[in-house]
């Protein structure tokens, strides 16, 4: 699946990152390079829902295992 949205740093734990999708859904991100994991970064993230993982940040959002991404801004 590919989800487009904005990466935000969740204020929980050690700073988990969540993708706030354009359609309003939220996904805890598992994986991704440092250039993706920046607060405010817009991206199209490709991955799969990981039912075998729990988010480190305890956000309660489904976990999206990052397989690839395209940055949509030039932050």
C-alpha atoms as a PDB file:
ATOM      1  CA  UNK A   1       0.000   0.000   0.000  1.00  0.00           C
ATOM      2  CA  UNK A   2       1.094   3.596  -0.532  1.00  0.00           C
ATOM      3  CA  UNK A   3       0.046   6.346   1.859  1.00  0.00           C
ATOM      4  CA  UNK A   4       0.606  10.042   1.227  1.00  0.00           C
ATOM      5  CA  UNK A   5       0.752  12.498   4.082  1.00  0.00           C
ATOM      6  CA  UNK A   6       2.862  14.380   6.605  1.00  0.00           C
ATOM      7  CA  UNK A   7       5.355  12.816   9.005  1.00  0.00           C
ATOM      8  CA  UNK A   8       4.990  14.086  12.565  1.00  0.00           C
ATOM      9  CA  UNK A   9       7.005  13.350  15.680  1.00  0.00           C
ATOM     10  CA  UNK A  10       4.724  11.828  18.301  1.00  0.00           C
ATOM     11  CA  UNK A  11       5.301  13.241  21.794  1.00  0.00           C
ATOM     12  CA  UNK A  12       5.550   9.771  23.333  1.00  0.00           C
ATOM     13  CA  UNK A  13       8.433   7.560  24.346  1.00  0.00           C
ATOM     14  CA  UNK A  14      11.690   8.252  22.548  1.00  0.00           C
ATOM     15  CA  UNK A  15      10.134  10.207  19.722  1.00  0.00           C
ATOM     16  CA  UNK A  16       8.211   7.827  17.500  1.00  0.00           C
ATOM     17  CA  UNK A  17       7.178   9.076  14.079  1.00  0.00           C
ATOM     18  CA  UNK A  18       3.651   8.904  12.718  1.00  0.00           C
ATOM     19  CA  UNK A  19       2.414   9.431   9.180  1.00  0.00           C
ATOM     20  CA  UNK A  20      -0.736  11.551   9.167  1.00  0.00           C
ATOM     21  CA  UNK A  21      -2.327  10.553   5.874  1.00  0.00           C
ATOM     22  CA  UNK A  22      -4.136  13.029   3.654  1.00  0.00           C
ATOM     23  CA  UNK A  23      -7.345  11.032   4.211  1.00  0.00           C
ATOM     24  CA  UNK A  24      -7.113  11.486   7.999  1.00  0.00           C
ATOM     25  CA  UNK A  25      -5.738   8.040   8.890  1.00  0.00           C
ATOM     26  CA  UNK A  26      -2.619   7.758  11.065  1.00  0.00           C
ATOM     27  CA  UNK A  27       0.147   5.149  10.925  1.00  0.00           C
ATOM     28  CA  UNK A  28       3.100   4.590  13.251  1.00  0.00           C
ATOM     29  CA  UNK A  29       6.172   4.252  11.026  1.00  0.00           C
ATOM     30  CA  UNK A  30       8.518   1.285  11.388  1.00  0.00           C
ATOM     31  CA  UNK A  31      11.706   1.899   9.459  1.00  0.00           C
ATOM     32  CA  UNK A  32      12.671   4.625   7.053  1.00  0.00           C
ATOM     33  CA  UNK A  33      15.825   6.669   6.611  1.00  0.00           C
ATOM     34  CA  UNK A  34      16.587   9.764   8.698  1.00  0.00           C
ATOM     35  CA  UNK A  35      15.638  12.001   5.759  1.00  0.00           C
ATOM     36  CA  UNK A  36      12.080  10.620   5.959  1.00  0.00           C
ATOM     37  CA  UNK A  37      11.816  10.809   9.736  1.00  0.00           C
ATOM     38  CA  UNK A  38      11.713  14.584  10.056  1.00  0.00           C
ATOM     39  CA  UNK A  39       8.815  16.395  11.685  1.00  0.00           C
ATOM     40  CA  UNK A  40       6.701  18.090   9.017  1.00  0.00           C
ATOM     41  CA  UNK A  41       8.101  16.149   6.055  1.00  0.00           C
ATOM     42  CA  UNK A  42       5.564  15.342   3.306  1.00  0.00           C
ATOM     43  CA  UNK A  43       6.011  11.958   1.677  1.00  0.00           C
ATOM     44  CA  UNK A  44       4.368   9.096  -0.147  1.00  0.00           C
ATOM     45  CA  UNK A  45       5.293   6.034   1.900  1.00  0.00           C
ATOM     46  CA  UNK A  46       5.082   2.514   0.474  1.00  0.00           C
ATOM     47  CA  UNK A  47       4.809  -0.380   2.865  1.00  0.00           C
ATOM     48  CA  UNK A  48       2.605  -2.953   4.516  1.00  0.00           C
ATOM     49  CA  UNK A  49       0.651  -3.005   7.732  1.00  0.00           C
ATOM     50  CA  UNK A  50       2.639  -4.938  10.303  1.00  0.00           C
ATOM     51  CA  UNK A  51       0.273  -6.869  12.540  1.00  0.00           C
ATOM     52  CA  UNK A  52       3.290  -8.467  14.244  1.00  0.00           C
ATOM     53  CA  UNK A  53       4.651  -5.146  15.567  1.00  0.00           C
ATOM     54  CA  UNK A  54       3.576  -2.735  18.272  1.00  0.00           C
ATOM     55  CA  UNK A  55       4.566   0.902  17.933  1.00  0.00           C
ATOM     56  CA  UNK A  56       7.482   1.936  20.127  1.00  0.00           C
ATOM     57  CA  UNK A  57       5.857   5.304  20.782  1.00  0.00           C
ATOM     58  CA  UNK A  58       2.645   3.702  22.053  1.00  0.00           C
ATOM     59  CA  UNK A  59       0.516   5.934  19.825  1.00  0.00           C
ATOM     60  CA  UNK A  60      -2.125   3.239  19.324  1.00  0.00           C
ATOM     61  CA  UNK A  61      -1.942   3.678  15.555  1.00  0.00           C
ATOM     62  CA  UNK A  62      -1.524   0.737  13.152  1.00  0.00           C
ATOM     63  CA  UNK A  63       2.136   0.155  12.297  1.00  0.00           C
ATOM     64  CA  UNK A  64       3.226   0.720   8.699  1.00  0.00           C
ATOM     65  CA  UNK A  65       6.453  -1.134   7.886  1.00  0.00           C
ATOM     66  CA  UNK A  66       8.283   1.221   5.497  1.00  0.00           C
ATOM     67  CA  UNK A  67       9.477  -0.470   2.293  1.00  0.00           C
ATOM     68  CA  UNK A  68      10.151   2.706   0.318  1.00  0.00           C
ATOM     69  CA  UNK A  69       9.121   6.329   0.040  1.00  0.00           C
ATOM     70  CA  UNK A  70       9.180   9.412  -2.138  1.00  0.00           C
ATOM     71  CA  UNK A  71       9.779  12.790  -0.533  1.00  0.00           C
ATOM     72  CA  UNK A  72       7.249  15.370  -1.671  1.00  0.00           C
ATOM     73  CA  UNK A  73       8.918  18.499  -0.353  1.00  0.00           C
ATOM     74  CA  UNK A  74      12.410  19.917  -0.329  1.00  0.00           C
ATOM     75  CA  UNK A  75      12.808  20.488   3.394  1.00  0.00           C
END
